[in-house]
């Protein structure tokens, strides 16, 4: 999508602090971090959400990217992965993305 900010990041049209990249996904630090480590993992191809008929190989690449981000960022103690679907869930960019959060004790509460 030509007006999608995450598509532009995936195409390297907009600068971002890249943490990990492969053929299917790119991971970059969030500009508005909610934890000491807050990295987003996105597919390079545009999919609106996790239920948008995302090919299995892309979902597998996203899972692998999460493990790579955790290793690179030193999240051995633990981390949280969140995917929002829709505005009611807090999705502000309508391009599938996983939030990898860590770097401190996050507790049991999700909100």
PDB file of N, CA and C in Angstrom:
ATOM      1  N   UNK A   1       0.849  -1.185   0.000  1.00  0.00           N
ATOM      2  CA  UNK A   1       0.000   0.000   0.000  1.00  0.00           C
ATOM      3  C   UNK A   1       0.889   1.241   0.000  1.00  0.00           C
ATOM      4  N   UNK A   2       0.602   2.145  -0.876  1.00  0.00           N
ATOM      5  CA  UNK A   2       1.478   3.300  -1.079  1.00  0.00           C
ATOM      6  C   UNK A   2       1.462   4.287   0.081  1.00  0.00           C
ATOM      7  N   UNK A   3       0.400   4.318   0.892  1.00  0.00           N
ATOM      8  CA  UNK A   3       0.335   5.282   1.984  1.00  0.00           C
ATOM      9  C   UNK A   3       0.595   4.652   3.353  1.00  0.00           C
ATOM     10  N   UNK A   4       1.003   3.406   3.404  1.00  0.00           N
ATOM     11  CA  UNK A   4       1.239   2.695   4.661  1.00  0.00           C
ATOM     12  C   UNK A   4       2.665   2.976   5.152  1.00  0.00           C
ATOM     13  N   UNK A   5       2.767   3.549   6.343  1.00  0.00           N
ATOM     14  CA  UNK A   5       4.077   3.897   6.882  1.00  0.00           C
ATOM     15  C   UNK A   5       4.952   2.662   7.097  1.00  0.00           C
ATOM     16  N   UNK A   6       4.346   1.531   7.502  1.00  0.00           N
ATOM     17  CA  UNK A   6       5.142   0.328   7.725  1.00  0.00           C
ATOM     18  C   UNK A   6       5.623  -0.267   6.404  1.00  0.00           C
ATOM     19  N   UNK A   7       4.825  -0.164   5.353  1.00  0.00           N
ATOM     20  CA  UNK A   7       5.295  -0.592   4.031  1.00  0.00           C
ATOM     21  C   UNK A   7       6.489   0.245   3.600  1.00  0.00           C
ATOM     22  N   UNK A   8       6.434   1.535   3.888  1.00  0.00           N
ATOM     23  CA  UNK A   8       7.547   2.416   3.527  1.00  0.00           C
ATOM     24  C   UNK A   8       8.800   2.096   4.327  1.00  0.00           C
ATOM     25  N   UNK A   9       8.643   1.725   5.585  1.00  0.00           N
ATOM     26  CA  UNK A   9       9.794   1.296   6.383  1.00  0.00           C
ATOM     27  C   UNK A   9      10.354   0.000   5.821  1.00  0.00           C
ATOM     28  N   UNK A  10       9.471  -0.943   5.481  1.00  0.00           N
ATOM     29  CA  UNK A  10       9.907  -2.228   4.920  1.00  0.00           C
ATOM     30  C   UNK A  10      10.672  -2.045   3.619  1.00  0.00           C
ATOM     31  N   UNK A  11      10.311  -1.018   2.849  1.00  0.00           N
ATOM     32  CA  UNK A  11      10.980  -0.719   1.579  1.00  0.00           C
ATOM     33  C   UNK A  11      12.193   0.204   1.755  1.00  0.00           C
ATOM     34  N   UNK A  12      12.501   0.535   2.995  1.00  0.00           N
ATOM     35  CA  UNK A  12      13.619   1.437   3.322  1.00  0.00           C
ATOM     36  C   UNK A  12      13.427   2.827   2.733  1.00  0.00           C
ATOM     37  N   UNK A  13      12.168   3.237   2.580  1.00  0.00           N
ATOM     38  CA  UNK A  13      11.863   4.586   2.112  1.00  0.00           C
ATOM     39  C   UNK A  13      11.830   5.577   3.270  1.00  0.00           C
ATOM     40  N   UNK A  14      11.573   5.052   4.471  1.00  0.00           N
ATOM     41  CA  UNK A  14      11.550   5.852   5.693  1.00  0.00           C
ATOM     42  C   UNK A  14      12.588   5.241   6.626  1.00  0.00           C
ATOM     43  N   UNK A  15      13.443   6.064   7.222  1.00  0.00           N
ATOM     44  CA  UNK A  15      14.468   5.506   8.109  1.00  0.00           C
ATOM     45  C   UNK A  15      13.868   4.933   9.394  1.00  0.00           C
ATOM     46  N   UNK A  16      14.504   3.903   9.892  1.00  0.00           N
ATOM     47  CA  UNK A  16      14.125   3.271  11.153  1.00  0.00           C
ATOM     48  C   UNK A  16      15.369   2.593  11.715  1.00  0.00           C
ATOM     49  N   UNK A  17      15.360   2.355  13.007  1.00  0.00           N
ATOM     50  CA  UNK A  17      16.455   1.628  13.636  1.00  0.00           C
ATOM     51  C   UNK A  17      16.174   0.141  13.470  1.00  0.00           C
ATOM     52  N   UNK A  18      16.792  -0.452  12.447  1.00  0.00           N
ATOM     53  CA  UNK A  18      16.544  -1.850  12.093  1.00  0.00           C
ATOM     54  C   UNK A  18      17.284  -2.752  13.078  1.00  0.00           C
ATOM     55  N   UNK A  19      16.559  -3.721  13.614  1.00  0.00           N
ATOM     56  CA  UNK A  19      17.117  -4.688  14.556  1.00  0.00           C
ATOM     57  C   UNK A  19      17.393  -6.010  13.859  1.00  0.00           C
ATOM     58  N   UNK A  20      16.506  -6.391  12.937  1.00  0.00           N
ATOM     59  CA  UNK A  20      16.618  -7.674  12.233  1.00  0.00           C
ATOM     60  C   UNK A  20      15.865  -7.548  10.915  1.00  0.00           C
ATOM     61  N   UNK A  21      16.352  -8.283   9.900  1.00  0.00           N
ATOM     62  CA  UNK A  21      15.671  -8.294   8.605  1.00  0.00           C
ATOM     63  C   UNK A  21      16.004  -9.583   7.876  1.00  0.00           C
ATOM     64  N   UNK A  22      15.003 -10.139   7.199  1.00  0.00           N
ATOM     65  CA  UNK A  22      15.227 -11.256   6.285  1.00  0.00           C
ATOM     66  C   UNK A  22      14.344 -11.042   5.057  1.00  0.00           C
ATOM     67  N   UNK A  23      14.143 -12.070   4.264  1.00  0.00           N
ATOM     68  CA  UNK A  23      13.370 -11.914   3.023  1.00  0.00           C
ATOM     69  C   UNK A  23      11.893 -11.590   3.257  1.00  0.00           C
ATOM     70  N   UNK A  24      11.348 -12.021   4.407  1.00  0.00           N
ATOM     71  CA  UNK A  24       9.909 -11.885   4.657  1.00  0.00           C
ATOM     72  C   UNK A  24       9.539 -10.789   5.643  1.00  0.00           C
ATOM     73  N   UNK A  25      10.441 -10.461   6.576  1.00  0.00           N
ATOM     74  CA  UNK A  25      10.094  -9.554   7.677  1.00  0.00           C
ATOM     75  C   UNK A  25      11.196  -8.540   7.933  1.00  0.00           C
ATOM     76  N   UNK A  26      10.822  -7.521   8.670  1.00  0.00           N
ATOM     77  CA  UNK A  26      11.783  -6.539   9.170  1.00  0.00           C
ATOM     78  C   UNK A  26      11.360  -6.187  10.595  1.00  0.00           C
ATOM     79  N   UNK A  27      12.341  -6.011  11.470  1.00  0.00           N
ATOM     80  CA  UNK A  27      12.085  -5.637  12.860  1.00  0.00           C
ATOM     81  C   UNK A  27      12.820  -4.337  13.138  1.00  0.00           C
ATOM     82  N   UNK A  28      12.135  -3.416  13.800  1.00  0.00           N
ATOM     83  CA  UNK A  28      12.720  -2.104  14.075  1.00  0.00           C
ATOM     84  C   UNK A  28      12.192  -1.581  15.402  1.00  0.00           C
ATOM     85  N   UNK A  29      12.975  -0.698  16.017  1.00  0.00           N
ATOM     86  CA  UNK A  29      12.584  -0.140  17.303  1.00  0.00           C
ATOM     87  C   UNK A  29      11.418   0.821  17.154  1.00  0.00           C
ATOM     88  N   UNK A  30      10.468   0.723  18.095  1.00  0.00           N
ATOM     89  CA  UNK A  30       9.295   1.589  18.119  1.00  0.00           C
ATOM     90  C   UNK A  30       9.717   3.013  18.481  1.00  0.00           C
ATOM     91  N   UNK A  31       9.153   3.997  17.807  1.00  0.00           N
ATOM     92  CA  UNK A  31       9.464   5.396  18.093  1.00  0.00           C
ATOM     93  C   UNK A  31       8.827   5.898  19.385  1.00  0.00           C
ATOM     94  N   UNK A  32       7.825   5.179  19.887  1.00  0.00           N
ATOM     95  CA  UNK A  32       7.138   5.544  21.124  1.00  0.00           C
ATOM     96  C   UNK A  32       7.169   4.338  22.063  1.00  0.00           C
ATOM     97  N   UNK A  33       8.353   4.003  22.589  1.00  0.00           N
ATOM     98  CA  UNK A  33       8.489   2.758  23.352  1.00  0.00           C
ATOM     99  C   UNK A  33       7.657   2.737  24.630  1.00  0.00           C
ATOM    100  N   UNK A  34       7.049   1.583  24.885  1.00  0.00           N
ATOM    101  CA  UNK A  34       6.252   1.368  26.081  1.00  0.00           C
ATOM    102  C   UNK A  34       7.002   0.548  27.129  1.00  0.00           C
ATOM    103  N   UNK A  35       8.236   0.184  26.825  1.00  0.00           N
ATOM    104  CA  UNK A  35       9.115  -0.563  27.720  1.00  0.00           C
ATOM    105  C   UNK A  35      10.547  -0.239  27.296  1.00  0.00           C
ATOM    106  N   UNK A  36      11.532  -0.566  28.136  1.00  0.00           N
ATOM    107  CA  UNK A  36      12.924  -0.296  27.742  1.00  0.00           C
ATOM    108  C   UNK A  36      13.289  -0.904  26.389  1.00  0.00           C
ATOM    109  N   UNK A  37      12.768  -2.094  26.100  1.00  0.00           N
ATOM    110  CA  UNK A  37      12.891  -2.681  24.769  1.00  0.00           C
ATOM    111  C   UNK A  37      11.488  -2.744  24.183  1.00  0.00           C
ATOM    112  N   UNK A  38      11.313  -2.119  23.023  1.00  0.00           N
ATOM    113  CA  UNK A  38      10.018  -2.156  22.325  1.00  0.00           C
ATOM    114  C   UNK A  38      10.335  -2.169  20.825  1.00  0.00           C
ATOM    115  N   UNK A  39      10.339  -3.356  20.278  1.00  0.00           N
ATOM    116  CA  UNK A  39      10.678  -3.565  18.877  1.00  0.00           C
ATOM    117  C   UNK A  39       9.463  -4.112  18.153  1.00  0.00           C
ATOM    118  N   UNK A  40       9.223  -3.629  16.946  1.00  0.00           N
ATOM    119  CA  UNK A  40       8.115  -4.102  16.129  1.00  0.00           C
ATOM    120  C   UNK A  40       8.638  -5.064  15.073  1.00  0.00           C
ATOM    121  N   UNK A  41       7.927  -6.157  14.875  1.00  0.00           N
ATOM    122  CA  UNK A  41       8.226  -7.127  13.824  1.00  0.00           C
ATOM    123  C   UNK A  41       7.071  -7.067  12.838  1.00  0.00           C
ATOM    124  N   UNK A  42       7.388  -6.775  11.562  1.00  0.00           N
ATOM    125  CA  UNK A  42       6.334  -6.654  10.542  1.00  0.00           C
ATOM    126  C   UNK A  42       6.685  -7.506   9.319  1.00  0.00           C
ATOM    127  N   UNK A  43       5.660  -8.003   8.632  1.00  0.00           N
ATOM    128  CA  UNK A  43       5.944  -8.629   7.346  1.00  0.00           C
ATOM    129  C   UNK A  43       6.235  -7.542   6.313  1.00  0.00           C
ATOM    130  N   UNK A  44       7.083  -7.853   5.364  1.00  0.00           N
ATOM    131  CA  UNK A  44       7.379  -6.879   4.302  1.00  0.00           C
ATOM    132  C   UNK A  44       6.176  -6.698   3.387  1.00  0.00           C
ATOM    133  N   UNK A  45       5.425  -7.760   3.163  1.00  0.00           N
ATOM    134  CA  UNK A  45       4.197  -7.660   2.372  1.00  0.00           C
ATOM    135  C   UNK A  45       3.095  -7.106   3.271  1.00  0.00           C
ATOM    136  N   UNK A  46       2.208  -6.321   2.699  1.00  0.00           N
ATOM    137  CA  UNK A  46       1.145  -5.696   3.487  1.00  0.00           C
ATOM    138  C   UNK A  46       0.051  -6.711   3.825  1.00  0.00           C
ATOM    139  N   UNK A  47      -0.172  -6.870   5.115  1.00  0.00           N
ATOM    140  CA  UNK A  47      -1.309  -7.619   5.666  1.00  0.00           C
ATOM    141  C   UNK A  47      -1.849  -6.750   6.784  1.00  0.00           C
ATOM    142  N   UNK A  48      -3.149  -6.575   6.830  1.00  0.00           N
ATOM    143  CA  UNK A  48      -3.723  -5.656   7.802  1.00  0.00           C
ATOM    144  C   UNK A  48      -3.628  -6.171   9.233  1.00  0.00           C
ATOM    145  N   UNK A  49      -3.830  -7.474   9.427  1.00  0.00           N
ATOM    146  CA  UNK A  49      -3.819  -8.018  10.786  1.00  0.00           C
ATOM    147  C   UNK A  49      -3.432  -9.494  10.740  1.00  0.00           C
ATOM    148  N   UNK A  50      -3.334 -10.066  11.905  1.00  0.00           N
ATOM    149  CA  UNK A  50      -2.931 -11.466  12.052  1.00  0.00           C
ATOM    150  C   UNK A  50      -3.938 -12.427  11.414  1.00  0.00           C
ATOM    151  N   UNK A  51      -5.173 -11.965  11.183  1.00  0.00           N
ATOM    152  CA  UNK A  51      -6.199 -12.833  10.587  1.00  0.00           C
ATOM    153  C   UNK A  51      -6.475 -12.479   9.125  1.00  0.00           C
ATOM    154  N   UNK A  52      -5.495 -11.884   8.482  1.00  0.00           N
ATOM    155  CA  UNK A  52      -5.628 -11.414   7.099  1.00  0.00           C
ATOM    156  C   UNK A  52      -5.029 -12.416   6.103  1.00  0.00           C
ATOM    157  N   UNK A  53      -5.317 -13.717   6.294  1.00  0.00           N
ATOM    158  CA  UNK A  53      -4.810 -14.768   5.397  1.00  0.00           C
ATOM    159  C   UNK A  53      -3.305 -14.643   5.166  1.00  0.00           C
ATOM    160  N   UNK A  54      -2.568 -14.468   6.241  1.00  0.00           N
ATOM    161  CA  UNK A  54      -1.113 -14.343   6.171  1.00  0.00           C
ATOM    162  C   UNK A  54      -0.528 -15.717   5.861  1.00  0.00           C
ATOM    163  N   UNK A  55       0.306 -15.828   4.833  1.00  0.00           N
ATOM    164  CA  UNK A  55       0.901 -17.130   4.500  1.00  0.00           C
ATOM    165  C   UNK A  55       1.703 -17.710   5.663  1.00  0.00           C
ATOM    166  N   UNK A  56       1.668 -19.025   5.774  1.00  0.00           N
ATOM    167  CA  UNK A  56       2.348 -19.715   6.870  1.00  0.00           C
ATOM    168  C   UNK A  56       3.834 -19.381   6.938  1.00  0.00           C
ATOM    169  N   UNK A  57       4.487 -19.246   5.784  1.00  0.00           N
ATOM    170  CA  UNK A  57       5.923 -18.952   5.801  1.00  0.00           C
ATOM    171  C   UNK A  57       6.203 -17.550   6.349  1.00  0.00           C
ATOM    172  N   UNK A  58       5.272 -16.635   6.173  1.00  0.00           N
ATOM    173  CA  UNK A  58       5.438 -15.290   6.728  1.00  0.00           C
ATOM    174  C   UNK A  58       5.243 -15.328   8.240  1.00  0.00           C
ATOM    175  N   UNK A  59       4.229 -16.053   8.701  1.00  0.00           N
ATOM    176  CA  UNK A  59       4.028 -16.189  10.148  1.00  0.00           C
ATOM    177  C   UNK A  59       5.224 -16.875  10.799  1.00  0.00           C
ATOM    178  N   UNK A  60       5.777 -17.892  10.137  1.00  0.00           N
ATOM    179  CA  UNK A  60       6.965 -18.574  10.661  1.00  0.00           C
ATOM    180  C   UNK A  60       8.151 -17.615  10.707  1.00  0.00           C
ATOM    181  N   UNK A  61       8.309 -16.794   9.688  1.00  0.00           N
ATOM    182  CA  UNK A  61       9.399 -15.814   9.663  1.00  0.00           C
ATOM    183  C   UNK A  61       9.218 -14.785  10.777  1.00  0.00           C
ATOM    184  N   UNK A  62       7.982 -14.409  11.059  1.00  0.00           N
ATOM    185  CA  UNK A  62       7.729 -13.473  12.146  1.00  0.00           C
ATOM    186  C   UNK A  62       8.103 -14.087  13.489  1.00  0.00           C
ATOM    187  N   UNK A  63       7.740 -15.355  13.693  1.00  0.00           N
ATOM    188  CA  UNK A  63       8.097 -16.039  14.940  1.00  0.00           C
ATOM    189  C   UNK A  63       9.613 -16.137  15.082  1.00  0.00           C
ATOM    190  N   UNK A  64      10.292 -16.464  13.994  1.00  0.00           N
ATOM    191  CA  UNK A  64      11.754 -16.523  14.026  1.00  0.00           C
ATOM    192  C   UNK A  64      12.339 -15.147  14.338  1.00  0.00           C
ATOM    193  N   UNK A  65      11.779 -14.109  13.755  1.00  0.00           N
ATOM    194  CA  UNK A  65      12.263 -12.751  14.001  1.00  0.00           C
ATOM    195  C   UNK A  65      12.092 -12.366  15.469  1.00  0.00           C
ATOM    196  N   UNK A  66      11.005 -12.786  16.091  1.00  0.00           N
ATOM    197  CA  UNK A  66      10.816 -12.514  17.517  1.00  0.00           C
ATOM    198  C   UNK A  66      11.958 -13.127  18.321  1.00  0.00           C
ATOM    199  N   UNK A  67      12.322 -14.373  18.007  1.00  0.00           N
ATOM    200  CA  UNK A  67      13.420 -15.004  18.745  1.00  0.00           C
ATOM    201  C   UNK A  67      14.742 -14.297  18.482  1.00  0.00           C
ATOM    202  N   UNK A  68      14.954 -13.828  17.259  1.00  0.00           N
ATOM    203  CA  UNK A  68      16.174 -13.087  16.942  1.00  0.00           C
ATOM    204  C   UNK A  68      16.212 -11.738  17.666  1.00  0.00           C
ATOM    205  N   UNK A  69      15.094 -11.044  17.709  1.00  0.00           N
ATOM    206  CA  UNK A  69      15.025  -9.773  18.432  1.00  0.00           C
ATOM    207  C   UNK A  69      15.328 -10.009  19.911  1.00  0.00           C
ATOM    208  N   UNK A  70      14.736 -11.040  20.493  1.00  0.00           N
ATOM    209  CA  UNK A  70      14.974 -11.343  21.909  1.00  0.00           C
ATOM    210  C   UNK A  70      16.458 -11.620  22.153  1.00  0.00           C
ATOM    211  N   UNK A  71      17.097 -12.353  21.259  1.00  0.00           N
ATOM    212  CA  UNK A  71      18.525 -12.658  21.401  1.00  0.00           C
ATOM    213  C   UNK A  71      19.355 -11.381  21.255  1.00  0.00           C
ATOM    214  N   UNK A  72      19.087 -10.609  20.215  1.00  0.00           N
ATOM    215  CA  UNK A  72      19.854  -9.388  19.940  1.00  0.00           C
ATOM    216  C   UNK A  72      19.701  -8.374  21.064  1.00  0.00           C
ATOM    217  N   UNK A  73      18.495  -8.253  21.590  1.00  0.00           N
ATOM    218  CA  UNK A  73      18.210  -7.255  22.623  1.00  0.00           C
ATOM    219  C   UNK A  73      18.505  -7.750  24.043  1.00  0.00           C
ATOM    220  N   UNK A  74      18.936  -9.013  24.174  1.00  0.00           N
ATOM    221  CA  UNK A  74      19.295  -9.534  25.489  1.00  0.00           C
ATOM    222  C   UNK A  74      18.119  -9.750  26.420  1.00  0.00           C
ATOM    223  N   UNK A  75      17.050 -10.306  25.892  1.00  0.00           N
ATOM    224  CA  UNK A  75      15.836 -10.507  26.686  1.00  0.00           C
ATOM    225  C   UNK A  75      15.741 -11.921  27.264  1.00  0.00           C
ATOM    226  N   UNK A  76      16.877 -12.450  27.751  1.00  0.00           N
ATOM    227  CA  UNK A  76      16.902 -13.801  28.297  1.00  0.00           C
ATOM    228  C   UNK A  76      15.948 -13.968  29.480  1.00  0.00           C
ATOM    229  N   UNK A  77      15.737 -12.905  30.249  1.00  0.00           N
ATOM    230  CA  UNK A  77      14.877 -12.967  31.436  1.00  0.00           C
ATOM    231  C   UNK A  77      13.396 -13.090  31.074  1.00  0.00           C
ATOM    232  N   UNK A  78      13.047 -12.700  29.861  1.00  0.00           N
ATOM    233  CA  UNK A  78      11.662 -12.793  29.429  1.00  0.00           C
ATOM    234  C   UNK A  78      11.231 -11.577  28.627  1.00  0.00           C
ATOM    235  N   UNK A  79      10.135 -11.736  27.936  1.00  0.00           N
ATOM    236  CA  UNK A  79       9.592 -10.658  27.112  1.00  0.00           C
ATOM    237  C   UNK A  79       8.136 -10.962  26.832  1.00  0.00           C
ATOM    238  N   UNK A  80       7.443  -9.990  26.278  1.00  0.00           N
ATOM    239  CA  UNK A  80       6.032 -10.128  25.910  1.00  0.00           C
ATOM    240  C   UNK A  80       5.891  -9.832  24.426  1.00  0.00           C
ATOM    241  N   UNK A  81       4.996 -10.569  23.754  1.00  0.00           N
ATOM    242  CA  UNK A  81       4.688 -10.338  22.346  1.00  0.00           C
ATOM    243  C   UNK A  81       3.193 -10.043  22.249  1.00  0.00           C
ATOM    244  N   UNK A  82       2.861  -8.927  21.597  1.00  0.00           N
ATOM    245  CA  UNK A  82       1.461  -8.508  21.466  1.00  0.00           C
ATOM    246  C   UNK A  82       1.165  -8.185  20.010  1.00  0.00           C
ATOM    247  N   UNK A  83      -0.009  -8.603  19.548  1.00  0.00           N
ATOM    248  CA  UNK A  83      -0.519  -8.188  18.248  1.00  0.00           C
ATOM    249  C   UNK A  83      -1.935  -7.671  18.447  1.00  0.00           C
ATOM    250  N   UNK A  84      -2.173  -6.437  18.057  1.00  0.00           N
ATOM    251  CA  UNK A  84      -3.506  -5.843  18.145  1.00  0.00           C
ATOM    252  C   UNK A  84      -4.215  -6.004  16.807  1.00  0.00           C
ATOM    253  N   UNK A  85      -5.534  -6.231  16.861  1.00  0.00           N
ATOM    254  CA  UNK A  85      -6.338  -6.339  15.641  1.00  0.00           C
ATOM    255  C   UNK A  85      -7.468  -5.325  15.724  1.00  0.00           C
ATOM    256  N   UNK A  86      -7.356  -4.271  14.954  1.00  0.00           N
ATOM    257  CA  UNK A  86      -8.422  -3.280  14.883  1.00  0.00           C
ATOM    258  C   UNK A  86      -8.259  -2.140  15.870  1.00  0.00           C
ATOM    259  N   UNK A  87      -8.945  -1.048  15.568  1.00  0.00           N
ATOM    260  CA  UNK A  87      -8.868   0.150  16.395  1.00  0.00           C
ATOM    261  C   UNK A  87      -9.325  -0.103  17.824  1.00  0.00           C
ATOM    262  N   UNK A  88     -10.348  -0.922  18.017  1.00  0.00           N
ATOM    263  CA  UNK A  88     -10.854  -1.193  19.366  1.00  0.00           C
ATOM    264  C   UNK A  88      -9.808  -1.881  20.241  1.00  0.00           C
ATOM    265  N   UNK A  89      -8.856  -2.556  19.617  1.00  0.00           N
ATOM    266  CA  UNK A  89      -7.779  -3.222  20.361  1.00  0.00           C
ATOM    267  C   UNK A  89      -6.546  -2.334  20.488  1.00  0.00           C
ATOM    268  N   UNK A  90      -6.580  -1.169  19.871  1.00  0.00           N
ATOM    269  CA  UNK A  90      -5.452  -0.247  19.957  1.00  0.00           C
ATOM    270  C   UNK A  90      -4.533  -0.257  18.750  1.00  0.00           C
ATOM    271  N   UNK A  91      -4.928  -0.945  17.666  1.00  0.00           N
ATOM    272  CA  UNK A  91      -4.100  -0.945  16.461  1.00  0.00           C
ATOM    273  C   UNK A  91      -4.194   0.424  15.805  1.00  0.00           C
ATOM    274  N   UNK A  92      -3.059   1.114  15.677  1.00  0.00           N
ATOM    275  CA  UNK A  92      -3.057   2.451  15.088  1.00  0.00           C
ATOM    276  C   UNK A  92      -2.505   2.468  13.671  1.00  0.00           C
ATOM    277  N   UNK A  93      -1.662   1.478  13.333  1.00  0.00           N
ATOM    278  CA  UNK A  93      -1.173   1.325  11.960  1.00  0.00           C
ATOM    279  C   UNK A  93      -1.771   0.022  11.445  1.00  0.00           C
ATOM    280  N   UNK A  94      -2.551   0.104  10.389  1.00  0.00           N
ATOM    281  CA  UNK A  94      -3.269  -1.065   9.883  1.00  0.00           C
ATOM    282  C   UNK A  94      -2.374  -1.908   8.971  1.00  0.00           C
ATOM    283  N   UNK A  95      -1.270  -2.342   9.538  1.00  0.00           N
ATOM    284  CA  UNK A  95      -0.306  -3.263   8.916  1.00  0.00           C
ATOM    285  C   UNK A  95       0.086  -4.203  10.045  1.00  0.00           C
ATOM    286  N   UNK A  96      -0.061  -5.488   9.820  1.00  0.00           N
ATOM    287  CA  UNK A  96       0.257  -6.478  10.842  1.00  0.00           C
ATOM    288  C   UNK A  96       1.602  -6.181  11.482  1.00  0.00           C
ATOM    289  N   UNK A  97       1.642  -6.180  12.805  1.00  0.00           N
ATOM    290  CA  UNK A  97       2.897  -6.031  13.517  1.00  0.00           C
ATOM    291  C   UNK A  97       2.817  -6.684  14.886  1.00  0.00           C
ATOM    292  N   UNK A  98       3.946  -7.226  15.295  1.00  0.00           N
ATOM    293  CA  UNK A  98       4.091  -7.792  16.625  1.00  0.00           C
ATOM    294  C   UNK A  98       4.938  -6.843  17.450  1.00  0.00           C
ATOM    295  N   UNK A  99       4.472  -6.541  18.645  1.00  0.00           N
ATOM    296  CA  UNK A  99       5.248  -5.749  19.589  1.00  0.00           C
ATOM    297  C   UNK A  99       6.055  -6.719  20.444  1.00  0.00           C
ATOM    298  N   UNK A 100       7.364  -6.558  20.476  1.00  0.00           N
ATOM    299  CA  UNK A 100       8.222  -7.327  21.363  1.00  0.00           C
ATOM    300  C   UNK A 100       8.649  -6.365  22.465  1.00  0.00           C
ATOM    301  N   UNK A 101       8.178  -6.644  23.689  1.00  0.00           N
ATOM    302  CA  UNK A 101       8.394  -5.754  24.822  1.00  0.00           C
ATOM    303  C   UNK A 101       9.183  -6.452  25.907  1.00  0.00           C
ATOM    304  N   UNK A 102      10.140  -5.759  26.491  1.00  0.00           N
ATOM    305  CA  UNK A 102      10.919  -6.337  27.574  1.00  0.00           C
ATOM    306  C   UNK A 102      11.911  -5.343  28.130  1.00  0.00           C
ATOM    307  N   UNK A 103      12.898  -5.886  28.826  1.00  0.00           N
ATOM    308  CA  UNK A 103      13.923  -5.034  29.410  1.00  0.00           C
ATOM    309  C   UNK A 103      13.624  -4.614  30.834  1.00  0.00           C
ATOM    310  N   UNK A 104      12.473  -5.033  31.369  1.00  0.00           N
ATOM    311  CA  UNK A 104      12.095  -4.807  32.752  1.00  0.00           C
ATOM    312  C   UNK A 104      11.019  -5.827  33.097  1.00  0.00           C
ATOM    313  N   UNK A 105      10.722  -5.952  34.370  1.00  0.00           N
ATOM    314  CA  UNK A 105       9.632  -6.842  34.776  1.00  0.00           C
ATOM    315  C   UNK A 105       8.309  -6.225  34.324  1.00  0.00           C
ATOM    316  N   UNK A 106       7.571  -6.961  33.523  1.00  0.00           N
ATOM    317  CA  UNK A 106       6.311  -6.453  32.978  1.00  0.00           C
ATOM    318  C   UNK A 106       5.112  -6.829  33.837  1.00  0.00           C
ATOM    319  N   UNK A 107       5.301  -7.740  34.786  1.00  0.00           N
ATOM    320  CA  UNK A 107       4.197  -8.138  35.652  1.00  0.00           C
ATOM    321  C   UNK A 107       3.192  -9.010  34.926  1.00  0.00           C
ATOM    322  N   UNK A 108       2.118  -9.308  35.629  1.00  0.00           N
ATOM    323  CA  UNK A 108       1.095 -10.201  35.075  1.00  0.00           C
ATOM    324  C   UNK A 108      -0.003  -9.469  34.323  1.00  0.00           C
ATOM    325  N   UNK A 109      -0.196  -8.208  34.601  1.00  0.00           N
ATOM    326  CA  UNK A 109      -1.276  -7.446  33.971  1.00  0.00           C
ATOM    327  C   UNK A 109      -0.948  -7.135  32.517  1.00  0.00           C
ATOM    328  N   UNK A 110      -1.933  -7.240  31.661  1.00  0.00           N
ATOM    329  CA  UNK A 110      -1.736  -6.914  30.246  1.00  0.00           C
ATOM    330  C   UNK A 110      -2.073  -5.464  29.939  1.00  0.00           C
ATOM    331  N   UNK A 111      -2.864  -4.827  30.805  1.00  0.00           N
ATOM    332  CA  UNK A 111      -3.202  -3.415  30.563  1.00  0.00           C
ATOM    333  C   UNK A 111      -3.038  -2.604  31.827  1.00  0.00           C
TER     334      UNK A 111
END
